[in-house]
C-alpha cells in the first residue's frame, strides 16, 4: 500500500511538470480531461456518466477499488513508457474521479 501511495505521488509530480512545461492554451475544443483540475470547469453530465461506467466496469473486472486503482496505475505507466502521455494522463485522471 505504501508503494502505491509513493507511486501515485511520483506520477502526480510528473504530470504536474508535464502540464507546467507544455501548457495547453485556452481553446473552446480542448479536451478538458487533459487539463489540470479539468481546466477549472465542471464536468458535463455525459462526462459524469462515462466516469460512472468506467468505475462500474473496473469494479467488475478487478473486484475492488484498490485493485482497480492498481490496474489503472499500471496501465498509466504502460502508456507513459510507450510515450503516450495523453492516455497516461487520462488513466491517472480516472483515479481522481
PDB file of N, CA and C in Angstrom:
ATOM      1  N   UNK A   1       0.834  -1.200   0.000  1.00  0.00           N
ATOM      2  CA  UNK A   1       0.000   0.000   0.000  1.00  0.00           C
ATOM      3  C   UNK A   1       0.874   1.259   0.000  1.00  0.00           C
ATOM      4  N   UNK A   2       1.977   1.184   0.753  1.00  0.00           N
ATOM      5  CA  UNK A   2       2.868   2.340   0.842  1.00  0.00           C
ATOM      6  C   UNK A   2       3.521   2.629  -0.510  1.00  0.00           C
ATOM      7  N   UNK A   3       3.896   1.559  -1.230  1.00  0.00           N
ATOM      8  CA  UNK A   3       4.489   1.734  -2.554  1.00  0.00           C
ATOM      9  C   UNK A   3       3.489   2.372  -3.509  1.00  0.00           C
ATOM     10  N   UNK A   4       2.220   1.980  -3.386  1.00  0.00           N
ATOM     11  CA  UNK A   4       1.169   2.547  -4.239  1.00  0.00           C
ATOM     12  C   UNK A   4       1.057   4.054  -4.007  1.00  0.00           C
ATOM     13  N   UNK A   5       1.094   4.475  -2.755  1.00  0.00           N
ATOM     14  CA  UNK A   5       0.997   5.907  -2.447  1.00  0.00           C
ATOM     15  C   UNK A   5       2.181   6.666  -3.026  1.00  0.00           C
ATOM     16  N   UNK A   6       3.386   6.118  -2.871  1.00  0.00           N
ATOM     17  CA  UNK A   6       4.573   6.786  -3.420  1.00  0.00           C
ATOM     18  C   UNK A   6       4.536   6.791  -4.938  1.00  0.00           C
ATOM     19  N   UNK A   7       4.032   5.706  -5.516  1.00  0.00           N
ATOM     20  CA  UNK A   7       3.918   5.647  -6.968  1.00  0.00           C
ATOM     21  C   UNK A   7       2.949   6.690  -7.488  1.00  0.00           C
ATOM     22  N   UNK A   8       1.805   6.826  -6.814  1.00  0.00           N
ATOM     23  CA  UNK A   8       0.824   7.834  -7.217  1.00  0.00           C
ATOM     24  C   UNK A   8       1.383   9.242  -7.055  1.00  0.00           C
ATOM     25  N   UNK A   9       2.116   9.463  -5.983  1.00  0.00           N
ATOM     26  CA  UNK A   9       2.727  10.774  -5.764  1.00  0.00           C
ATOM     27  C   UNK A   9       3.737  11.090  -6.858  1.00  0.00           C
ATOM     28  N   UNK A  10       4.549  10.113  -7.206  1.00  0.00           N
ATOM     29  CA  UNK A  10       5.542  10.310  -8.258  1.00  0.00           C
ATOM     30  C   UNK A  10       4.872  10.601  -9.596  1.00  0.00           C
ATOM     31  N   UNK A  11       3.830   9.879  -9.898  1.00  0.00           N
ATOM     32  CA  UNK A  11       3.102  10.110 -11.144  1.00  0.00           C
ATOM     33  C   UNK A  11       2.497  11.509 -11.146  1.00  0.00           C
ATOM     34  N   UNK A  12       1.915  11.907 -10.024  1.00  0.00           N
ATOM     35  CA  UNK A  12       1.306  13.238  -9.942  1.00  0.00           C
ATOM     36  C   UNK A  12       2.348  14.333 -10.175  1.00  0.00           C
ATOM     37  N   UNK A  13       3.552  14.133  -9.657  1.00  0.00           N
ATOM     38  CA  UNK A  13       4.622  15.114  -9.863  1.00  0.00           C
ATOM     39  C   UNK A  13       4.988  15.182 -11.341  1.00  0.00           C
ATOM     40  N   UNK A  14       5.141  14.022 -11.993  1.00  0.00           N
ATOM     41  CA  UNK A  14       5.455  14.008 -13.421  1.00  0.00           C
ATOM     42  C   UNK A  14       4.363  14.681 -14.240  1.00  0.00           C
ATOM     43  N   UNK A  15       3.119  14.430 -13.897  1.00  0.00           N
ATOM     44  CA  UNK A  15       2.003  15.032 -14.618  1.00  0.00           C
ATOM     45  C   UNK A  15       2.002  16.547 -14.431  1.00  0.00           C
ATOM     46  N   UNK A  16       2.250  16.995 -13.203  1.00  0.00           N
ATOM     47  CA  UNK A  16       2.290  18.437 -12.938  1.00  0.00           C
ATOM     48  C   UNK A  16       3.410  19.101 -13.730  1.00  0.00           C
ATOM     49  N   UNK A  17       4.562  18.457 -13.767  1.00  0.00           N
ATOM     50  CA  UNK A  17       5.685  19.008 -14.549  1.00  0.00           C
ATOM     51  C   UNK A  17       5.326  19.055 -16.024  1.00  0.00           C
ATOM     52  N   UNK A  18       4.714  17.988 -16.513  1.00  0.00           N
ATOM     53  CA  UNK A  18       4.309  17.932 -17.924  1.00  0.00           C
ATOM     54  C   UNK A  18       3.404  19.112 -18.275  1.00  0.00           C
ATOM     55  N   UNK A  19       2.400  19.364 -17.437  1.00  0.00           N
ATOM     56  CA  UNK A  19       1.481  20.447 -17.744  1.00  0.00           C
ATOM     57  C   UNK A  19       2.067  21.823 -17.476  1.00  0.00           C
ATOM     58  N   UNK A  20       3.031  21.910 -16.604  1.00  0.00           N
ATOM     59  CA  UNK A  20       3.701  23.183 -16.393  1.00  0.00           C
ATOM     60  C   UNK A  20       4.534  23.546 -17.621  1.00  0.00           C
ATOM     61  N   UNK A  21       5.215  22.557 -18.165  1.00  0.00           N
ATOM     62  CA  UNK A  21       6.071  22.799 -19.326  1.00  0.00           C
ATOM     63  C   UNK A  21       5.269  22.923 -20.615  1.00  0.00           C
ATOM     64  N   UNK A  22       4.276  22.068 -20.796  1.00  0.00           N
ATOM     65  CA  UNK A  22       3.520  22.013 -22.053  1.00  0.00           C
ATOM     66  C   UNK A  22       2.080  22.464 -21.835  1.00  0.00           C
ATOM     67  N   UNK A  23       1.888  23.633 -21.295  1.00  0.00           N
ATOM     68  CA  UNK A  23       0.539  24.138 -21.057  1.00  0.00           C
ATOM     69  C   UNK A  23      -0.239  24.250 -22.355  1.00  0.00           C
ATOM     70  N   UNK A  24      -1.491  23.848 -22.281  1.00  0.00           N
ATOM     71  CA  UNK A  24      -2.370  23.918 -23.441  1.00  0.00           C
ATOM     72  C   UNK A  24      -3.127  25.240 -23.374  1.00  0.00           C
ATOM     73  N   UNK A  25      -3.062  26.053 -24.424  1.00  0.00           N
ATOM     74  CA  UNK A  25      -3.776  27.330 -24.386  1.00  0.00           C
ATOM     75  C   UNK A  25      -5.288  27.130 -24.342  1.00  0.00           C
ATOM     76  N   UNK A  26      -5.978  28.144 -23.839  1.00  0.00           N
ATOM     77  CA  UNK A  26      -7.439  28.065 -23.765  1.00  0.00           C
ATOM     78  C   UNK A  26      -8.035  28.051 -25.166  1.00  0.00           C
ATOM     79  N   UNK A  27      -8.722  26.984 -25.471  1.00  0.00           N
ATOM     80  CA  UNK A  27      -9.420  26.833 -26.740  1.00  0.00           C
ATOM     81  C   UNK A  27     -10.766  26.198 -26.442  1.00  0.00           C
ATOM     82  N   UNK A  28     -11.789  26.557 -27.206  1.00  0.00           N
ATOM     83  CA  UNK A  28     -13.107  26.007 -26.924  1.00  0.00           C
ATOM     84  C   UNK A  28     -13.195  24.489 -27.109  1.00  0.00           C
ATOM     85  N   UNK A  29     -12.378  23.907 -27.973  1.00  0.00           N
ATOM     86  CA  UNK A  29     -12.479  22.481 -28.256  1.00  0.00           C
ATOM     87  C   UNK A  29     -11.396  21.650 -27.569  1.00  0.00           C
ATOM     88  N   UNK A  30     -10.760  22.181 -26.539  1.00  0.00           N
ATOM     89  CA  UNK A  30      -9.715  21.444 -25.838  1.00  0.00           C
ATOM     90  C   UNK A  30     -10.372  20.369 -24.973  1.00  0.00           C
ATOM     91  N   UNK A  31      -9.786  19.191 -24.992  1.00  0.00           N
ATOM     92  CA  UNK A  31     -10.281  18.086 -24.174  1.00  0.00           C
ATOM     93  C   UNK A  31      -9.918  18.358 -22.711  1.00  0.00           C
ATOM     94  N   UNK A  32     -10.906  18.661 -21.894  1.00  0.00           N
ATOM     95  CA  UNK A  32     -10.619  19.050 -20.512  1.00  0.00           C
ATOM     96  C   UNK A  32     -10.052  17.900 -19.693  1.00  0.00           C
ATOM     97  N   UNK A  33     -10.191  16.645 -20.166  1.00  0.00           N
ATOM     98  CA  UNK A  33      -9.648  15.526 -19.397  1.00  0.00           C
ATOM     99  C   UNK A  33      -8.129  15.554 -19.367  1.00  0.00           C
ATOM    100  N   UNK A  34      -7.520  16.389 -20.190  1.00  0.00           N
ATOM    101  CA  UNK A  34      -6.061  16.501 -20.205  1.00  0.00           C
ATOM    102  C   UNK A  34      -5.567  17.743 -19.491  1.00  0.00           C
ATOM    103  N   UNK A  35      -6.474  18.550 -18.993  1.00  0.00           N
ATOM    104  CA  UNK A  35      -6.085  19.791 -18.311  1.00  0.00           C
ATOM    105  C   UNK A  35      -6.044  19.594 -16.800  1.00  0.00           C
ATOM    106  N   UNK A  36      -5.098  20.232 -16.115  1.00  0.00           N
ATOM    107  CA  UNK A  36      -5.102  20.162 -14.650  1.00  0.00           C
ATOM    108  C   UNK A  36      -6.424  20.689 -14.107  1.00  0.00           C
ATOM    109  N   UNK A  37      -6.936  19.988 -13.124  1.00  0.00           N
ATOM    110  CA  UNK A  37      -8.210  20.367 -12.490  1.00  0.00           C
ATOM    111  C   UNK A  37      -9.333  20.478 -13.534  1.00  0.00           C
ATOM    112  N   UNK A  38      -9.232  19.704 -14.586  1.00  0.00           N
ATOM    113  CA  UNK A  38     -10.212  19.725 -15.679  1.00  0.00           C
ATOM    114  C   UNK A  38     -10.443  21.145 -16.200  1.00  0.00           C
ATOM    115  N   UNK A  39      -9.392  21.942 -16.216  1.00  0.00           N
ATOM    116  CA  UNK A  39      -9.485  23.303 -16.721  1.00  0.00           C
ATOM    117  C   UNK A  39     -10.362  24.193 -15.862  1.00  0.00           C
ATOM    118  N   UNK A  40     -10.522  23.815 -14.594  1.00  0.00           N
ATOM    119  CA  UNK A  40     -11.386  24.550 -13.658  1.00  0.00           C
ATOM    120  C   UNK A  40     -12.810  24.692 -14.169  1.00  0.00           C
ATOM    121  N   UNK A  41     -13.273  23.686 -14.892  1.00  0.00           N
ATOM    122  CA  UNK A  41     -14.658  23.674 -15.355  1.00  0.00           C
ATOM    123  C   UNK A  41     -15.385  22.518 -14.695  1.00  0.00           C
ATOM    124  N   UNK A  42     -16.685  22.574 -14.717  1.00  0.00           N
ATOM    125  CA  UNK A  42     -17.480  21.481 -14.173  1.00  0.00           C
ATOM    126  C   UNK A  42     -17.670  20.428 -15.251  1.00  0.00           C
ATOM    127  N   UNK A  43     -17.675  19.175 -14.819  1.00  0.00           N
ATOM    128  CA  UNK A  43     -17.900  18.090 -15.763  1.00  0.00           C
ATOM    129  C   UNK A  43     -19.339  18.134 -16.261  1.00  0.00           C
ATOM    130  N   UNK A  44     -19.488  17.772 -17.522  1.00  0.00           N
ATOM    131  CA  UNK A  44     -20.829  17.686 -18.088  1.00  0.00           C
ATOM    132  C   UNK A  44     -21.487  16.405 -17.581  1.00  0.00           C
ATOM    133  N   UNK A  45     -22.778  16.293 -17.788  1.00  0.00           N
ATOM    134  CA  UNK A  45     -23.487  15.073 -17.388  1.00  0.00           C
ATOM    135  C   UNK A  45     -22.937  13.867 -18.140  1.00  0.00           C
ATOM    136  N   UNK A  46     -22.579  14.055 -19.395  1.00  0.00           N
ATOM    137  CA  UNK A  46     -22.007  12.966 -20.190  1.00  0.00           C
ATOM    138  C   UNK A  46     -20.662  12.509 -19.598  1.00  0.00           C
ATOM    139  N   UNK A  47     -19.839  13.436 -19.189  1.00  0.00           N
ATOM    140  CA  UNK A  47     -18.553  13.085 -18.582  1.00  0.00           C
ATOM    141  C   UNK A  47     -18.759  12.357 -17.252  1.00  0.00           C
ATOM    142  N   UNK A  48     -19.717  12.820 -16.470  1.00  0.00           N
ATOM    143  CA  UNK A  48     -20.027  12.151 -15.209  1.00  0.00           C
ATOM    144  C   UNK A  48     -20.529  10.727 -15.463  1.00  0.00           C
ATOM    145  N   UNK A  49     -21.336  10.581 -16.504  1.00  0.00           N
ATOM    146  CA  UNK A  49     -21.881   9.258 -16.850  1.00  0.00           C
ATOM    147  C   UNK A  49     -20.756   8.309 -17.266  1.00  0.00           C
ATOM    148  N   UNK A  50     -19.833   8.796 -18.098  1.00  0.00           N
ATOM    149  CA  UNK A  50     -18.737   7.924 -18.534  1.00  0.00           C
ATOM    150  C   UNK A  50     -17.808   7.581 -17.364  1.00  0.00           C
ATOM    151  N   UNK A  51     -17.639   8.495 -16.420  1.00  0.00           N
ATOM    152  CA  UNK A  51     -16.849   8.186 -15.223  1.00  0.00           C
ATOM    153  C   UNK A  51     -17.509   7.060 -14.434  1.00  0.00           C
ATOM    154  N   UNK A  52     -18.821   7.139 -14.277  1.00  0.00           N
ATOM    155  CA  UNK A  52     -19.550   6.101 -13.538  1.00  0.00           C
ATOM    156  C   UNK A  52     -19.428   4.749 -14.227  1.00  0.00           C
ATOM    157  N   UNK A  53     -19.551   4.745 -15.542  1.00  0.00           N
ATOM    158  CA  UNK A  53     -19.413   3.499 -16.294  1.00  0.00           C
ATOM    159  C   UNK A  53     -18.011   2.932 -16.121  1.00  0.00           C
ATOM    160  N   UNK A  54     -17.003   3.799 -16.192  1.00  0.00           N
ATOM    161  CA  UNK A  54     -15.616   3.366 -16.010  1.00  0.00           C
ATOM    162  C   UNK A  54     -15.435   2.708 -14.643  1.00  0.00           C
ATOM    163  N   UNK A  55     -15.971   3.323 -13.594  1.00  0.00           N
ATOM    164  CA  UNK A  55     -15.837   2.780 -12.241  1.00  0.00           C
ATOM    165  C   UNK A  55     -16.545   1.432 -12.141  1.00  0.00           C
ATOM    166  N   UNK A  56     -17.767   1.335 -12.657  1.00  0.00           N
ATOM    167  CA  UNK A  56     -18.519   0.082 -12.616  1.00  0.00           C
ATOM    168  C   UNK A  56     -17.775  -1.036 -13.342  1.00  0.00           C
ATOM    169  N   UNK A  57     -17.266  -0.743 -14.526  1.00  0.00           N
ATOM    170  CA  UNK A  57     -16.535  -1.752 -15.299  1.00  0.00           C
ATOM    171  C   UNK A  57     -15.245  -2.157 -14.595  1.00  0.00           C
ATOM    172  N   UNK A  58     -14.556  -1.198 -14.004  1.00  0.00           N
ATOM    173  CA  UNK A  58     -13.319  -1.505 -13.278  1.00  0.00           C
ATOM    174  C   UNK A  58     -13.594  -2.414 -12.095  1.00  0.00           C
ATOM    175  N   UNK A  59     -14.677  -2.131 -11.379  1.00  0.00           N
ATOM    176  CA  UNK A  59     -15.037  -2.972 -10.229  1.00  0.00           C
ATOM    177  C   UNK A  59     -15.417  -4.379 -10.672  1.00  0.00           C
ATOM    178  N   UNK A  60     -16.124  -4.506 -11.793  1.00  0.00           N
ATOM    179  CA  UNK A  60     -16.490  -5.829 -12.307  1.00  0.00           C
ATOM    180  C   UNK A  60     -15.241  -6.623 -12.659  1.00  0.00           C
ATOM    181  N   UNK A  61     -14.270  -5.963 -13.260  1.00  0.00           N
ATOM    182  CA  UNK A  61     -13.068  -6.655 -13.716  1.00  0.00           C
ATOM    183  C   UNK A  61     -12.115  -7.000 -12.580  1.00  0.00           C
ATOM    184  N   UNK A  62     -12.023  -6.135 -11.572  1.00  0.00           N
ATOM    185  CA  UNK A  62     -10.999  -6.322 -10.540  1.00  0.00           C
ATOM    186  C   UNK A  62     -11.558  -6.744  -9.189  1.00  0.00           C
ATOM    187  N   UNK A  63     -12.792  -6.435  -8.900  1.00  0.00           N
ATOM    188  CA  UNK A  63     -13.407  -6.847  -7.644  1.00  0.00           C
ATOM    189  C   UNK A  63     -13.311  -5.843  -6.507  1.00  0.00           C
ATOM    190  N   UNK A  64     -12.398  -4.880  -6.583  1.00  0.00           N
ATOM    191  CA  UNK A  64     -12.287  -3.889  -5.503  1.00  0.00           C
ATOM    192  C   UNK A  64     -11.723  -2.590  -6.055  1.00  0.00           C
ATOM    193  N   UNK A  65     -11.987  -1.507  -5.329  1.00  0.00           N
ATOM    194  CA  UNK A  65     -11.450  -0.213  -5.744  1.00  0.00           C
ATOM    195  C   UNK A  65      -9.926  -0.194  -5.683  1.00  0.00           C
ATOM    196  N   UNK A  66      -9.354  -0.857  -4.680  1.00  0.00           N
ATOM    197  CA  UNK A  66      -7.898  -0.887  -4.556  1.00  0.00           C
ATOM    198  C   UNK A  66      -7.265  -1.595  -5.761  1.00  0.00           C
ATOM    199  N   UNK A  67      -7.822  -2.729  -6.137  1.00  0.00           N
ATOM    200  CA  UNK A  67      -7.295  -3.456  -7.293  1.00  0.00           C
ATOM    201  C   UNK A  67      -7.516  -2.665  -8.588  1.00  0.00           C
ATOM    202  N   UNK A  68      -8.651  -1.986  -8.678  1.00  0.00           N
ATOM    203  CA  UNK A  68      -8.927  -1.157  -9.859  1.00  0.00           C
ATOM    204  C   UNK A  68      -7.913  -0.020  -9.957  1.00  0.00           C
ATOM    205  N   UNK A  69      -7.583   0.584  -8.815  1.00  0.00           N
ATOM    206  CA  UNK A  69      -6.595   1.672  -8.805  1.00  0.00           C
ATOM    207  C   UNK A  69      -5.219   1.149  -9.208  1.00  0.00           C
ATOM    208  N   UNK A  70      -4.841  -0.003  -8.682  1.00  0.00           N
ATOM    209  CA  UNK A  70      -3.546  -0.586  -9.052  1.00  0.00           C
ATOM    210  C   UNK A  70      -3.485  -0.871 -10.550  1.00  0.00           C
ATOM    211  N   UNK A  71      -4.580  -1.392 -11.078  1.00  0.00           N
ATOM    212  CA  UNK A  71      -4.629  -1.691 -12.513  1.00  0.00           C
ATOM    213  C   UNK A  71      -4.512  -0.405 -13.340  1.00  0.00           C
ATOM    214  N   UNK A  72      -5.229   0.646 -12.919  1.00  0.00           N
ATOM    215  CA  UNK A  72      -5.186   1.916 -13.650  1.00  0.00           C
ATOM    216  C   UNK A  72      -3.785   2.526 -13.613  1.00  0.00           C
ATOM    217  N   UNK A  73      -3.116   2.444 -12.463  1.00  0.00           N
ATOM    218  CA  UNK A  73      -1.751   2.963 -12.352  1.00  0.00           C
ATOM    219  C   UNK A  73      -0.826   2.171 -13.262  1.00  0.00           C
ATOM    220  N   UNK A  74      -0.994   0.870 -13.275  1.00  0.00           N
ATOM    221  CA  UNK A  74      -0.172   0.024 -14.137  1.00  0.00           C
ATOM    222  C   UNK A  74      -0.365   0.389 -15.608  1.00  0.00           C
ATOM    223  N   UNK A  75      -1.629   0.569 -16.002  1.00  0.00           N
ATOM    224  CA  UNK A  75      -1.910   0.956 -17.386  1.00  0.00           C
ATOM    225  C   UNK A  75      -1.321   2.336 -17.700  1.00  0.00           C
ATOM    226  N   UNK A  76      -1.428   3.264 -16.747  1.00  0.00           N
ATOM    227  CA  UNK A  76      -0.884   4.612 -16.953  1.00  0.00           C
ATOM    228  C   UNK A  76       0.622   4.558 -17.164  1.00  0.00           C
ATOM    229  N   UNK A  77       1.321   3.782 -16.341  1.00  0.00           N
ATOM    230  CA  UNK A  77       2.770   3.634 -16.515  1.00  0.00           C
ATOM    231  C   UNK A  77       3.087   3.015 -17.872  1.00  0.00           C
ATOM    232  N   UNK A  78       2.275   2.037 -18.280  1.00  0.00           N
ATOM    233  CA  UNK A  78       2.486   1.413 -19.582  1.00  0.00           C
ATOM    234  C   UNK A  78       2.376   2.427 -20.714  1.00  0.00           C
ATOM    235  N   UNK A  79       1.347   3.249 -20.672  1.00  0.00           N
ATOM    236  CA  UNK A  79       1.185   4.292 -21.692  1.00  0.00           C
ATOM    237  C   UNK A  79       2.343   5.295 -21.641  1.00  0.00           C
ATOM    238  N   UNK A  80       2.740   5.664 -20.415  1.00  0.00           N
ATOM    239  CA  UNK A  80       3.842   6.613 -20.271  1.00  0.00           C
ATOM    240  C   UNK A  80       5.135   6.031 -20.850  1.00  0.00           C
ATOM    241  N   UNK A  81       5.391   4.755 -20.582  1.00  0.00           N
ATOM    242  CA  UNK A  81       6.592   4.104 -21.110  1.00  0.00           C
ATOM    243  C   UNK A  81       6.585   4.021 -22.632  1.00  0.00           C
ATOM    244  N   UNK A  82       5.389   3.978 -23.225  1.00  0.00           N
ATOM    245  CA  UNK A  82       5.283   3.954 -24.683  1.00  0.00           C
ATOM    246  C   UNK A  82       5.325   5.357 -25.276  1.00  0.00           C
ATOM    247  N   UNK A  83       5.375   6.377 -24.411  1.00  0.00           N
ATOM    248  CA  UNK A  83       5.414   7.759 -24.883  1.00  0.00           C
ATOM    249  C   UNK A  83       4.050   8.346 -25.160  1.00  0.00           C
ATOM    250  N   UNK A  84       3.002   7.651 -24.757  1.00  0.00           N
ATOM    251  CA  UNK A  84       1.634   8.119 -24.974  1.00  0.00           C
ATOM    252  C   UNK A  84       1.178   8.901 -23.742  1.00  0.00           C
ATOM    253  N   UNK A  85       1.564  10.168 -23.677  1.00  0.00           N
ATOM    254  CA  UNK A  85       1.288  10.987 -22.495  1.00  0.00           C
ATOM    255  C   UNK A  85      -0.198  11.258 -22.298  1.00  0.00           C
ATOM    256  N   UNK A  86      -0.935  11.423 -23.401  1.00  0.00           N
ATOM    257  CA  UNK A  86      -2.364  11.720 -23.276  1.00  0.00           C
ATOM    258  C   UNK A  86      -3.119  10.570 -22.603  1.00  0.00           C
ATOM    259  N   UNK A  87      -2.900   9.346 -23.077  1.00  0.00           N
ATOM    260  CA  UNK A  87      -3.606   8.217 -22.468  1.00  0.00           C
ATOM    261  C   UNK A  87      -3.113   7.936 -21.053  1.00  0.00           C
ATOM    262  N   UNK A  88      -1.843   8.182 -20.816  1.00  0.00           N
ATOM    263  CA  UNK A  88      -1.326   8.034 -19.459  1.00  0.00           C
ATOM    264  C   UNK A  88      -2.048   9.005 -18.525  1.00  0.00           C
ATOM    265  N   UNK A  89      -2.181  10.241 -18.967  1.00  0.00           N
ATOM    266  CA  UNK A  89      -2.873  11.256 -18.170  1.00  0.00           C
ATOM    267  C   UNK A  89      -4.334  10.883 -17.942  1.00  0.00           C
ATOM    268  N   UNK A  90      -4.989  10.394 -18.983  1.00  0.00           N
ATOM    269  CA  UNK A  90      -6.399  10.003 -18.834  1.00  0.00           C
ATOM    270  C   UNK A  90      -6.555   8.907 -17.790  1.00  0.00           C
ATOM    271  N   UNK A  91      -5.675   7.925 -17.819  1.00  0.00           N
ATOM    272  CA  UNK A  91      -5.750   6.832 -16.845  1.00  0.00           C
ATOM    273  C   UNK A  91      -5.566   7.364 -15.432  1.00  0.00           C
ATOM    274  N   UNK A  92      -4.611   8.252 -15.253  1.00  0.00           N
ATOM    275  CA  UNK A  92      -4.381   8.804 -13.927  1.00  0.00           C
ATOM    276  C   UNK A  92      -5.554   9.670 -13.477  1.00  0.00           C
ATOM    277  N   UNK A  93      -6.123  10.406 -14.389  1.00  0.00           N
ATOM    278  CA  UNK A  93      -7.242  11.280 -14.042  1.00  0.00           C
ATOM    279  C   UNK A  93      -8.448  10.476 -13.596  1.00  0.00           C
ATOM    280  N   UNK A  94      -8.617   9.283 -14.157  1.00  0.00           N
ATOM    281  CA  UNK A  94      -9.746   8.432 -13.761  1.00  0.00           C
ATOM    282  C   UNK A  94      -9.615   7.976 -12.311  1.00  0.00           C
ATOM    283  N   UNK A  95      -8.394   8.001 -11.788  1.00  0.00           N
ATOM    284  CA  UNK A  95      -8.188   7.634 -10.389  1.00  0.00           C
ATOM    285  C   UNK A  95      -8.721   8.703  -9.446  1.00  0.00           C
ATOM    286  N   UNK A  96      -8.911   9.909  -9.974  1.00  0.00           N
ATOM    287  CA  UNK A  96      -9.330  11.039  -9.143  1.00  0.00           C
ATOM    288  C   UNK A  96     -10.759  11.426  -9.468  1.00  0.00           C
ATOM    289  N   UNK A  97     -11.557  10.484  -9.870  1.00  0.00           N
ATOM    290  CA  UNK A  97     -12.925  10.781 -10.304  1.00  0.00           C
ATOM    291  C   UNK A  97     -13.719  11.341  -9.208  1.00  0.00           C
TER     292      UNK A  97
END
